[in-house]
Amino acid sequence: MSVVTQFTPATSAEAIRWFSHKLHLETDCADVHSAQRAGEVDFVLLHVVGSEEAFARRHLPGAQHLPHSQITAERMAAWPADTLFVVYCAGRTATALTLPR
């Protein structure tokens, strides 16, 4: 038995539930780019790692720099409570846990 077949594969129904759930937590970079090109930016794009200098050299168009260490309740209060944030960085799980708190 290989590592591939070591686990029972998910059923189609399980896969649909899993990937439908993931869509509530993630977006695709192509979807972000498409929304930007269409002028349908109904979210805030946050770049949450690195220095201001690194951000100035290279970041996604339209992104705002908010380092992980500066994500606080007070700082986040600058946006309406229903704001959708699209966060990108090298450590997405740590940041994803910080924003809701």
PDB file of N, CA and C in Angstrom:
ATOM      1  N   MET A   1       0.853  -1.182   0.000  1.00  0.00           N
ATOM      2  CA  MET A   1       0.000   0.000   0.000  1.00  0.00           C
ATOM      3  C   MET A   1       0.895   1.241   0.000  1.00  0.00           C
ATOM      4  N   SER A   2       0.633   2.155  -0.914  1.00  0.00           N
ATOM      5  CA  SER A   2       1.415   3.389  -1.000  1.00  0.00           C
ATOM      6  C   SER A   2       0.856   4.445  -0.053  1.00  0.00           C
ATOM      7  N   VAL A   3       1.600   5.515   0.094  1.00  0.00           N
ATOM      8  CA  VAL A   3       1.129   6.643   0.899  1.00  0.00           C
ATOM      9  C   VAL A   3      -0.147   7.217   0.289  1.00  0.00           C
ATOM     10  N   VAL A   4      -0.253   7.163  -1.024  1.00  0.00           N
ATOM     11  CA  VAL A   4      -1.430   7.690  -1.725  1.00  0.00           C
ATOM     12  C   VAL A   4      -2.681   6.923  -1.332  1.00  0.00           C
ATOM     13  N   THR A   5      -2.584   5.622  -1.237  1.00  0.00           N
ATOM     14  CA  THR A   5      -3.770   4.800  -0.956  1.00  0.00           C
ATOM     15  C   THR A   5      -3.895   4.433   0.515  1.00  0.00           C
ATOM     16  N   GLN A   6      -3.052   4.977   1.351  1.00  0.00           N
ATOM     17  CA  GLN A   6      -3.073   4.662   2.775  1.00  0.00           C
ATOM     18  C   GLN A   6      -4.371   5.127   3.440  1.00  0.00           C
ATOM     19  N   PHE A   7      -4.930   6.213   2.953  1.00  0.00           N
ATOM     20  CA  PHE A   7      -6.155   6.762   3.530  1.00  0.00           C
ATOM     21  C   PHE A   7      -7.311   6.572   2.567  1.00  0.00           C
ATOM     22  N   THR A   8      -8.475   6.320   3.112  1.00  0.00           N
ATOM     23  CA  THR A   8      -9.672   6.179   2.294  1.00  0.00           C
ATOM     24  C   THR A   8     -10.008   7.537   1.685  1.00  0.00           C
ATOM     25  N   PRO A   9     -10.206   7.598   0.378  1.00  0.00           N
ATOM     26  CA  PRO A   9     -10.527   8.886  -0.240  1.00  0.00           C
ATOM     27  C   PRO A   9     -11.901   9.391   0.209  1.00  0.00           C
ATOM     28  N   ALA A  10     -12.044  10.681   0.203  1.00  0.00           N
ATOM     29  CA  ALA A  10     -13.324  11.296   0.554  1.00  0.00           C
ATOM     30  C   ALA A  10     -14.362  10.954  -0.501  1.00  0.00           C
ATOM     31  N   THR A  11     -15.599  10.890  -0.063  1.00  0.00           N
ATOM     32  CA  THR A  11     -16.691  10.709  -1.016  1.00  0.00           C
ATOM     33  C   THR A  11     -16.910  12.028  -1.745  1.00  0.00           C
ATOM     34  N   SER A  12     -17.661  11.997  -2.814  1.00  0.00           N
ATOM     35  CA  SER A  12     -17.974  13.235  -3.542  1.00  0.00           C
ATOM     36  C   SER A  12     -18.689  14.230  -2.635  1.00  0.00           C
ATOM     37  N   ALA A  13     -19.625  13.741  -1.835  1.00  0.00           N
ATOM     38  CA  ALA A  13     -20.367  14.627  -0.931  1.00  0.00           C
ATOM     39  C   ALA A  13     -19.433  15.269   0.094  1.00  0.00           C
ATOM     40  N   GLU A  14     -18.482  14.499   0.625  1.00  0.00           N
ATOM     41  CA  GLU A  14     -17.519  15.051   1.582  1.00  0.00           C
ATOM     42  C   GLU A  14     -16.638  16.104   0.918  1.00  0.00           C
ATOM     43  N   ALA A  15     -16.215  15.842  -0.302  1.00  0.00           N
ATOM     44  CA  ALA A  15     -15.376  16.799  -1.030  1.00  0.00           C
ATOM     45  C   ALA A  15     -16.139  18.097  -1.288  1.00  0.00           C
ATOM     46  N   ILE A  16     -17.396  17.987  -1.671  1.00  0.00           N
ATOM     47  CA  ILE A  16     -18.214  19.178  -1.918  1.00  0.00           C
ATOM     48  C   ILE A  16     -18.349  19.997  -0.636  1.00  0.00           C
ATOM     49  N   ARG A  17     -18.632  19.330   0.491  1.00  0.00           N
ATOM     50  CA  ARG A  17     -18.754  20.043   1.774  1.00  0.00           C
ATOM     51  C   ARG A  17     -17.433  20.729   2.139  1.00  0.00           C
ATOM     52  N   TRP A  18     -16.323  20.004   1.992  1.00  0.00           N
ATOM     53  CA  TRP A  18     -15.015  20.546   2.364  1.00  0.00           C
ATOM     54  C   TRP A  18     -14.652  21.774   1.530  1.00  0.00           C
ATOM     55  N   PHE A  19     -14.750  21.644   0.208  1.00  0.00           N
ATOM     56  CA  PHE A  19     -14.344  22.756  -0.644  1.00  0.00           C
ATOM     57  C   PHE A  19     -15.327  23.918  -0.572  1.00  0.00           C
ATOM     58  N   SER A  20     -16.597  23.642  -0.335  1.00  0.00           N
ATOM     59  CA  SER A  20     -17.562  24.729  -0.129  1.00  0.00           C
ATOM     60  C   SER A  20     -17.213  25.503   1.138  1.00  0.00           C
ATOM     61  N   HIS A  21     -16.831  24.778   2.182  1.00  0.00           N
ATOM     62  CA  HIS A  21     -16.432  25.426   3.435  1.00  0.00           C
ATOM     63  C   HIS A  21     -15.174  26.270   3.228  1.00  0.00           C
ATOM     64  N   LYS A  22     -14.194  25.749   2.497  1.00  0.00           N
ATOM     65  CA  LYS A  22     -12.951  26.490   2.259  1.00  0.00           C
ATOM     66  C   LYS A  22     -13.204  27.814   1.552  1.00  0.00           C
ATOM     67  N   LEU A  23     -14.239  27.876   0.715  1.00  0.00           N
ATOM     68  CA  LEU A  23     -14.532  29.116  -0.001  1.00  0.00           C
ATOM     69  C   LEU A  23     -14.948  30.239   0.949  1.00  0.00           C
ATOM     70  N   HIS A  24     -15.382  29.884   2.156  1.00  0.00           N
ATOM     71  CA  HIS A  24     -15.719  30.896   3.160  1.00  0.00           C
ATOM     72  C   HIS A  24     -14.464  31.453   3.826  1.00  0.00           C
ATOM     73  N   LEU A  25     -13.340  30.743   3.685  1.00  0.00           N
ATOM     74  CA  LEU A  25     -12.115  31.113   4.381  1.00  0.00           C
ATOM     75  C   LEU A  25     -11.004  31.604   3.467  1.00  0.00           C
ATOM     76  N   GLU A  26     -11.076  31.275   2.191  1.00  0.00           N
ATOM     77  CA  GLU A  26      -9.994  31.592   1.264  1.00  0.00           C
ATOM     78  C   GLU A  26     -10.551  32.153  -0.034  1.00  0.00           C
ATOM     79  N   THR A  27      -9.708  32.867  -0.731  1.00  0.00           N
ATOM     80  CA  THR A  27     -10.022  33.277  -2.086  1.00  0.00           C
ATOM     81  C   THR A  27      -8.809  32.956  -2.939  1.00  0.00           C
ATOM     82  N   ASP A  28      -8.981  33.013  -4.207  1.00  0.00           N
ATOM     83  CA  ASP A  28      -7.904  32.702  -5.132  1.00  0.00           C
ATOM     84  C   ASP A  28      -7.283  34.001  -5.627  1.00  0.00           C
ATOM     85  N   CYS A  29      -5.976  34.007  -5.806  1.00  0.00           N
ATOM     86  CA  CYS A  29      -5.309  35.231  -6.277  1.00  0.00           C
ATOM     87  C   CYS A  29      -5.846  35.665  -7.638  1.00  0.00           C
ATOM     88  N   ALA A  30      -6.251  34.714  -8.466  1.00  0.00           N
ATOM     89  CA  ALA A  30      -6.818  35.070  -9.772  1.00  0.00           C
ATOM     90  C   ALA A  30      -8.152  35.796  -9.602  1.00  0.00           C
ATOM     91  N   ASP A  31      -8.933  35.412  -8.591  1.00  0.00           N
ATOM     92  CA  ASP A  31     -10.203  36.094  -8.333  1.00  0.00           C
ATOM     93  C   ASP A  31      -9.967  37.519  -7.832  1.00  0.00           C
ATOM     94  N   VAL A  32      -8.952  37.698  -6.997  1.00  0.00           N
ATOM     95  CA  VAL A  32      -8.600  39.042  -6.524  1.00  0.00           C
ATOM     96  C   VAL A  32      -8.186  39.904  -7.712  1.00  0.00           C
ATOM     97  N   HIS A  33      -7.333  39.372  -8.554  1.00  0.00           N
ATOM     98  CA  HIS A  33      -6.865  40.108  -9.734  1.00  0.00           C
ATOM     99  C   HIS A  33      -8.032  40.457 -10.659  1.00  0.00           C
ATOM    100  N   SER A  34      -8.925  39.504 -10.875  1.00  0.00           N
ATOM    101  CA  SER A  34     -10.082  39.729 -11.739  1.00  0.00           C
ATOM    102  C   SER A  34     -10.979  40.835 -11.178  1.00  0.00           C
ATOM    103  N   ALA A  35     -11.217  40.810  -9.868  1.00  0.00           N
ATOM    104  CA  ALA A  35     -12.040  41.850  -9.240  1.00  0.00           C
ATOM    105  C   ALA A  35     -11.380  43.217  -9.392  1.00  0.00           C
ATOM    106  N   GLN A  36     -10.071  43.263  -9.223  1.00  0.00           N
ATOM    107  CA  GLN A  36      -9.356  44.533  -9.381  1.00  0.00           C
ATOM    108  C   GLN A  36      -9.465  45.052 -10.811  1.00  0.00           C
ATOM    109  N   ARG A  37      -9.268  44.183 -11.782  1.00  0.00           N
ATOM    110  CA  ARG A  37      -9.335  44.603 -13.188  1.00  0.00           C
ATOM    111  C   ARG A  37     -10.724  45.096 -13.559  1.00  0.00           C
ATOM    112  N   ALA A  38     -11.759  44.494 -12.953  1.00  0.00           N
ATOM    113  CA  ALA A  38     -13.135  44.875 -13.249  1.00  0.00           C
ATOM    114  C   ALA A  38     -13.589  46.085 -12.425  1.00  0.00           C
ATOM    115  N   GLY A  39     -12.739  46.556 -11.527  1.00  0.00           N
ATOM    116  CA  GLY A  39     -13.113  47.681 -10.673  1.00  0.00           C
ATOM    117  C   GLY A  39     -14.124  47.298  -9.613  1.00  0.00           C
ATOM    118  N   GLU A  40     -14.168  46.038  -9.258  1.00  0.00           N
ATOM    119  CA  GLU A  40     -15.122  45.529  -8.265  1.00  0.00           C
ATOM    120  C   GLU A  40     -14.399  45.190  -6.962  1.00  0.00           C
ATOM    121  N   VAL A  41     -13.676  46.140  -6.442  1.00  0.00           N
ATOM    122  CA  VAL A  41     -12.894  45.902  -5.228  1.00  0.00           C
ATOM    123  C   VAL A  41     -13.771  46.223  -4.022  1.00  0.00           C
ATOM    124  N   ASP A  42     -14.450  45.204  -3.530  1.00  0.00           N
ATOM    125  CA  ASP A  42     -15.334  45.344  -2.373  1.00  0.00           C
ATOM    126  C   ASP A  42     -14.708  44.666  -1.154  1.00  0.00           C
ATOM    127  N   PHE A  43     -13.402  44.779  -1.063  1.00  0.00           N
ATOM    128  CA  PHE A  43     -12.620  44.174   0.010  1.00  0.00           C
ATOM    129  C   PHE A  43     -11.384  45.041   0.225  1.00  0.00           C
ATOM    130  N   VAL A  44     -10.722  44.826   1.348  1.00  0.00           N
ATOM    131  CA  VAL A  44      -9.465  45.511   1.640  1.00  0.00           C
ATOM    132  C   VAL A  44      -8.356  44.476   1.524  1.00  0.00           C
ATOM    133  N   LEU A  45      -7.388  44.759   0.679  1.00  0.00           N
ATOM    134  CA  LEU A  45      -6.257  43.866   0.467  1.00  0.00           C
ATOM    135  C   LEU A  45      -5.140  44.276   1.418  1.00  0.00           C
ATOM    136  N   LEU A  46      -4.782  43.366   2.329  1.00  0.00           N
ATOM    137  CA  LEU A  46      -3.768  43.673   3.336  1.00  0.00           C
ATOM    138  C   LEU A  46      -2.513  42.839   3.127  1.00  0.00           C
ATOM    139  N   HIS A  47      -1.392  43.508   3.111  1.00  0.00           N
ATOM    140  CA  HIS A  47      -0.076  42.865   3.095  1.00  0.00           C
ATOM    141  C   HIS A  47       0.423  42.952   4.530  1.00  0.00           C
ATOM    142  N   VAL A  48       0.650  41.816   5.168  1.00  0.00           N
ATOM    143  CA  VAL A  48       0.839  41.829   6.622  1.00  0.00           C
ATOM    144  C   VAL A  48       2.223  41.400   7.102  1.00  0.00           C
ATOM    145  N   VAL A  49       3.191  41.349   6.219  1.00  0.00           N
ATOM    146  CA  VAL A  49       4.547  40.990   6.640  1.00  0.00           C
ATOM    147  C   VAL A  49       5.550  41.983   6.078  1.00  0.00           C
ATOM    148  N   GLY A  50       6.720  42.013   6.667  1.00  0.00           N
ATOM    149  CA  GLY A  50       7.819  42.800   6.124  1.00  0.00           C
ATOM    150  C   GLY A  50       7.811  44.249   6.558  1.00  0.00           C
ATOM    151  N   SER A  51       8.876  44.912   6.191  1.00  0.00           N
ATOM    152  CA  SER A  51       9.071  46.317   6.539  1.00  0.00           C
ATOM    153  C   SER A  51       8.370  47.220   5.529  1.00  0.00           C
ATOM    154  N   GLU A  52       8.257  48.492   5.886  1.00  0.00           N
ATOM    155  CA  GLU A  52       7.711  49.483   4.953  1.00  0.00           C
ATOM    156  C   GLU A  52       8.558  49.540   3.686  1.00  0.00           C
ATOM    157  N   GLU A  53       9.870  49.407   3.853  1.00  0.00           N
ATOM    158  CA  GLU A  53      10.775  49.461   2.704  1.00  0.00           C
ATOM    159  C   GLU A  53      10.523  48.291   1.757  1.00  0.00           C
ATOM    160  N   ALA A  54      10.377  47.100   2.323  1.00  0.00           N
ATOM    161  CA  ALA A  54      10.107  45.921   1.497  1.00  0.00           C
ATOM    162  C   ALA A  54       8.755  46.056   0.808  1.00  0.00           C
ATOM    163  N   PHE A  55       7.767  46.588   1.529  1.00  0.00           N
ATOM    164  CA  PHE A  55       6.447  46.800   0.942  1.00  0.00           C
ATOM    165  C   PHE A  55       6.533  47.790  -0.212  1.00  0.00           C
ATOM    166  N   ALA A  56       7.293  48.860  -0.025  1.00  0.00           N
ATOM    167  CA  ALA A  56       7.436  49.877  -1.074  1.00  0.00           C
ATOM    168  C   ALA A  56       8.082  49.296  -2.331  1.00  0.00           C
ATOM    169  N   ARG A  57       8.996  48.364  -2.151  1.00  0.00           N
ATOM    170  CA  ARG A  57       9.669  47.755  -3.299  1.00  0.00           C
ATOM    171  C   ARG A  57       8.767  46.791  -4.052  1.00  0.00           C
ATOM    172  N   ARG A  58       7.933  46.055  -3.314  1.00  0.00           N
ATOM    173  CA  ARG A  58       7.158  45.016  -3.992  1.00  0.00           C
ATOM    174  C   ARG A  58       5.914  44.656  -3.184  1.00  0.00           C
ATOM    175  N   HIS A  59       4.771  44.901  -3.788  1.00  0.00           N
ATOM    176  CA  HIS A  59       3.502  44.495  -3.190  1.00  0.00           C
ATOM    177  C   HIS A  59       2.445  44.436  -4.291  1.00  0.00           C
ATOM    178  N   LEU A  60       1.333  43.816  -3.984  1.00  0.00           N
ATOM    179  CA  LEU A  60       0.247  43.731  -4.950  1.00  0.00           C
ATOM    180  C   LEU A  60      -0.406  45.098  -5.109  1.00  0.00           C
ATOM    181  N   PRO A  61      -0.813  45.440  -6.320  1.00  0.00           N
ATOM    182  CA  PRO A  61      -1.493  46.721  -6.535  1.00  0.00           C
ATOM    183  C   PRO A  61      -2.732  46.832  -5.640  1.00  0.00           C
ATOM    184  N   GLY A  62      -2.890  47.982  -5.028  1.00  0.00           N
ATOM    185  CA  GLY A  62      -4.054  48.229  -4.181  1.00  0.00           C
ATOM    186  C   GLY A  62      -3.905  47.750  -2.750  1.00  0.00           C
ATOM    187  N   ALA A  63      -2.807  47.077  -2.446  1.00  0.00           N
ATOM    188  CA  ALA A  63      -2.624  46.545  -1.091  1.00  0.00           C
ATOM    189  C   ALA A  63      -2.270  47.653  -0.112  1.00  0.00           C
ATOM    190  N   GLN A  64      -2.695  47.443   1.120  1.00  0.00           N
ATOM    191  CA  GLN A  64      -2.299  48.314   2.220  1.00  0.00           C
ATOM    192  C   GLN A  64      -1.354  47.515   3.107  1.00  0.00           C
ATOM    193  N   HIS A  65      -0.338  48.170   3.627  1.00  0.00           N
ATOM    194  CA  HIS A  65       0.629  47.483   4.480  1.00  0.00           C
ATOM    195  C   HIS A  65       0.188  47.598   5.929  1.00  0.00           C
ATOM    196  N   LEU A  66      -0.039  46.473   6.551  1.00  0.00           N
ATOM    197  CA  LEU A  66      -0.387  46.427   7.968  1.00  0.00           C
ATOM    198  C   LEU A  66       0.327  45.222   8.567  1.00  0.00           C
ATOM    199  N   PRO A  67       1.537  45.433   9.075  1.00  0.00           N
ATOM    200  CA  PRO A  67       2.293  44.315   9.623  1.00  0.00           C
ATOM    201  C   PRO A  67       1.514  43.574  10.706  1.00  0.00           C
ATOM    202  N   HIS A  68       1.736  42.286  10.741  1.00  0.00           N
ATOM    203  CA  HIS A  68       1.059  41.415  11.696  1.00  0.00           C
ATOM    204  C   HIS A  68       1.129  41.981  13.113  1.00  0.00           C
ATOM    205  N   SER A  69       2.275  42.506  13.485  1.00  0.00           N
ATOM    206  CA  SER A  69       2.462  43.029  14.844  1.00  0.00           C
ATOM    207  C   SER A  69       1.609  44.261  15.134  1.00  0.00           C
ATOM    208  N   GLN A  70       1.073  44.897  14.097  1.00  0.00           N
ATOM    209  CA  GLN A  70       0.259  46.098  14.281  1.00  0.00           C
ATOM    210  C   GLN A  70      -1.239  45.825  14.160  1.00  0.00           C
ATOM    211  N   ILE A  71      -1.607  44.566  14.012  1.00  0.00           N
ATOM    212  CA  ILE A  71      -3.028  44.223  13.928  1.00  0.00           C
ATOM    213  C   ILE A  71      -3.586  44.191  15.348  1.00  0.00           C
ATOM    214  N   THR A  72      -4.299  45.235  15.688  1.00  0.00           N
ATOM    215  CA  THR A  72      -4.906  45.359  17.012  1.00  0.00           C
ATOM    216  C   THR A  72      -6.375  45.724  16.835  1.00  0.00           C
ATOM    217  N   ALA A  73      -7.136  45.552  17.887  1.00  0.00           N
ATOM    218  CA  ALA A  73      -8.556  45.912  17.834  1.00  0.00           C
ATOM    219  C   ALA A  73      -8.715  47.393  17.501  1.00  0.00           C
ATOM    220  N   GLU A  74      -7.860  48.224  18.083  1.00  0.00           N
ATOM    221  CA  GLU A  74      -7.944  49.662  17.834  1.00  0.00           C
ATOM    222  C   GLU A  74      -7.654  49.984  16.369  1.00  0.00           C
ATOM    223  N   ARG A  75      -6.634  49.364  15.820  1.00  0.00           N
ATOM    224  CA  ARG A  75      -6.271  49.617  14.416  1.00  0.00           C
ATOM    225  C   ARG A  75      -7.366  49.118  13.477  1.00  0.00           C
ATOM    226  N   MET A  76      -7.923  47.951  13.772  1.00  0.00           N
ATOM    227  CA  MET A  76      -8.948  47.376  12.909  1.00  0.00           C
ATOM    228  C   MET A  76     -10.255  48.156  12.988  1.00  0.00           C
ATOM    229  N   ALA A  77     -10.452  48.910  14.066  1.00  0.00           N
ATOM    230  CA  ALA A  77     -11.663  49.722  14.214  1.00  0.00           C
ATOM    231  C   ALA A  77     -11.723  50.853  13.187  1.00  0.00           C
ATOM    232  N   ALA A  78     -10.635  51.070  12.463  1.00  0.00           N
ATOM    233  CA  ALA A  78     -10.625  52.095  11.412  1.00  0.00           C
ATOM    234  C   ALA A  78     -11.533  51.715  10.247  1.00  0.00           C
ATOM    235  N   TRP A  79     -11.861  50.442  10.137  1.00  0.00           N
ATOM    236  CA  TRP A  79     -12.738  49.962   9.070  1.00  0.00           C
ATOM    237  C   TRP A  79     -14.090  49.569   9.656  1.00  0.00           C
ATOM    238  N   PRO A  80     -15.155  49.646   8.853  1.00  0.00           N
ATOM    239  CA  PRO A  80     -16.459  49.173   9.323  1.00  0.00           C
ATOM    240  C   PRO A  80     -16.379  47.698   9.733  1.00  0.00           C
ATOM    241  N   ALA A  81     -17.212  47.313  10.680  1.00  0.00           N
ATOM    242  CA  ALA A  81     -17.176  45.951  11.224  1.00  0.00           C
ATOM    243  C   ALA A  81     -17.411  44.879  10.169  1.00  0.00           C
ATOM    244  N   ASP A  82     -18.122  45.213   9.099  1.00  0.00           N
ATOM    245  CA  ASP A  82     -18.427  44.202   8.079  1.00  0.00           C
ATOM    246  C   ASP A  82     -17.418  44.192   6.923  1.00  0.00           C
ATOM    247  N   THR A  83     -16.276  44.847   7.095  1.00  0.00           N
ATOM    248  CA  THR A  83     -15.254  44.888   6.044  1.00  0.00           C
ATOM    249  C   THR A  83     -14.697  43.492   5.794  1.00  0.00           C
ATOM    250  N   LEU A  84     -14.562  43.158   4.525  1.00  0.00           N
ATOM    251  CA  LEU A  84     -13.935  41.893   4.138  1.00  0.00           C
ATOM    252  C   LEU A  84     -12.460  42.166   3.876  1.00  0.00           C
ATOM    253  N   PHE A  85     -11.598  41.456   4.582  1.00  0.00           N
ATOM    254  CA  PHE A  85     -10.159  41.596   4.407  1.00  0.00           C
ATOM    255  C   PHE A  85      -9.622  40.403   3.640  1.00  0.00           C
ATOM    256  N   VAL A  86      -8.836  40.686   2.616  1.00  0.00           N
ATOM    257  CA  VAL A  86      -8.088  39.657   1.911  1.00  0.00           C
ATOM    258  C   VAL A  86      -6.642  39.867   2.338  1.00  0.00           C
ATOM    259  N   VAL A  87      -6.120  38.897   3.064  1.00  0.00           N
ATOM    260  CA  VAL A  87      -4.801  38.999   3.672  1.00  0.00           C
ATOM    261  C   VAL A  87      -3.827  38.152   2.887  1.00  0.00           C
ATOM    262  N   TYR A  88      -2.663  38.719   2.584  1.00  0.00           N
ATOM    263  CA  TYR A  88      -1.635  37.888   1.971  1.00  0.00           C
ATOM    264  C   TYR A  88      -0.309  38.103   2.674  1.00  0.00           C
ATOM    265  N   CYS A  89       0.406  37.000   2.811  1.00  0.00           N
ATOM    266  CA  CYS A  89       1.690  36.990   3.494  1.00  0.00           C
ATOM    267  C   CYS A  89       2.285  35.598   3.334  1.00  0.00           C
ATOM    268  N   ALA A  90       3.407  35.376   3.973  1.00  0.00           N
ATOM    269  CA  ALA A  90       4.027  34.051   3.928  1.00  0.00           C
ATOM    270  C   ALA A  90       3.481  33.150   5.023  1.00  0.00           C
ATOM    271  N   GLY A  91       2.820  33.720   6.008  1.00  0.00           N
ATOM    272  CA  GLY A  91       2.332  32.931   7.136  1.00  0.00           C
ATOM    273  C   GLY A  91       0.848  33.117   7.329  1.00  0.00           C
ATOM    274  N   ARG A  92       0.057  32.675   6.375  1.00  0.00           N
ATOM    275  CA  ARG A  92      -1.370  33.005   6.357  1.00  0.00           C
ATOM    276  C   ARG A  92      -2.142  32.498   7.558  1.00  0.00           C
ATOM    277  N   THR A  93      -1.763  31.374   8.129  1.00  0.00           N
ATOM    278  CA  THR A  93      -2.547  30.838   9.235  1.00  0.00           C
ATOM    279  C   THR A  93      -2.426  31.713  10.466  1.00  0.00           C
ATOM    280  N   ALA A  94      -1.233  32.136  10.796  1.00  0.00           N
ATOM    281  CA  ALA A  94      -1.049  32.986  11.976  1.00  0.00           C
ATOM    282  C   ALA A  94      -1.818  34.287  11.831  1.00  0.00           C
ATOM    283  N   THR A  95      -1.760  34.889  10.676  1.00  0.00           N
ATOM    284  CA  THR A  95      -2.463  36.146  10.451  1.00  0.00           C
ATOM    285  C   THR A  95      -3.962  35.923  10.422  1.00  0.00           C
ATOM    286  N   ALA A  96      -4.391  34.861   9.801  1.00  0.00           N
ATOM    287  CA  ALA A  96      -5.818  34.568   9.728  1.00  0.00           C
ATOM    288  C   ALA A  96      -6.405  34.391  11.118  1.00  0.00           C
ATOM    289  N   LEU A  97      -5.627  33.910  12.049  1.00  0.00           N
ATOM    290  CA  LEU A  97      -6.110  33.767  13.417  1.00  0.00           C
ATOM    291  C   LEU A  97      -6.121  35.093  14.161  1.00  0.00           C
ATOM    292  N   THR A  98      -5.264  36.016  13.779  1.00  0.00           N
ATOM    293  CA  THR A  98      -5.179  37.302  14.464  1.00  0.00           C
ATOM    294  C   THR A  98      -6.330  38.223  14.093  1.00  0.00           C
ATOM    295  N   LEU A  99      -6.680  38.295  12.814  1.00  0.00           N
ATOM    296  CA  LEU A  99      -7.707  39.242  12.368  1.00  0.00           C
ATOM    297  C   LEU A  99      -9.037  39.082  13.094  1.00  0.00           C
ATOM    298  N   PRO A 100      -9.590  37.873  13.233  1.00  0.00           N
ATOM    299  CA  PRO A 100     -10.891  37.761  13.894  1.00  0.00           C
ATOM    300  C   PRO A 100     -10.854  38.127  15.372  1.00  0.00           C
ATOM    301  N   ARG A 101      -9.715  38.051  15.985  1.00  0.00           N
ATOM    302  CA  ARG A 101      -9.613  38.348  17.417  1.00  0.00           C
ATOM    303  C   ARG A 101      -9.661  39.834  17.619  1.00  0.00           C
TER     304      ARG A 101
END
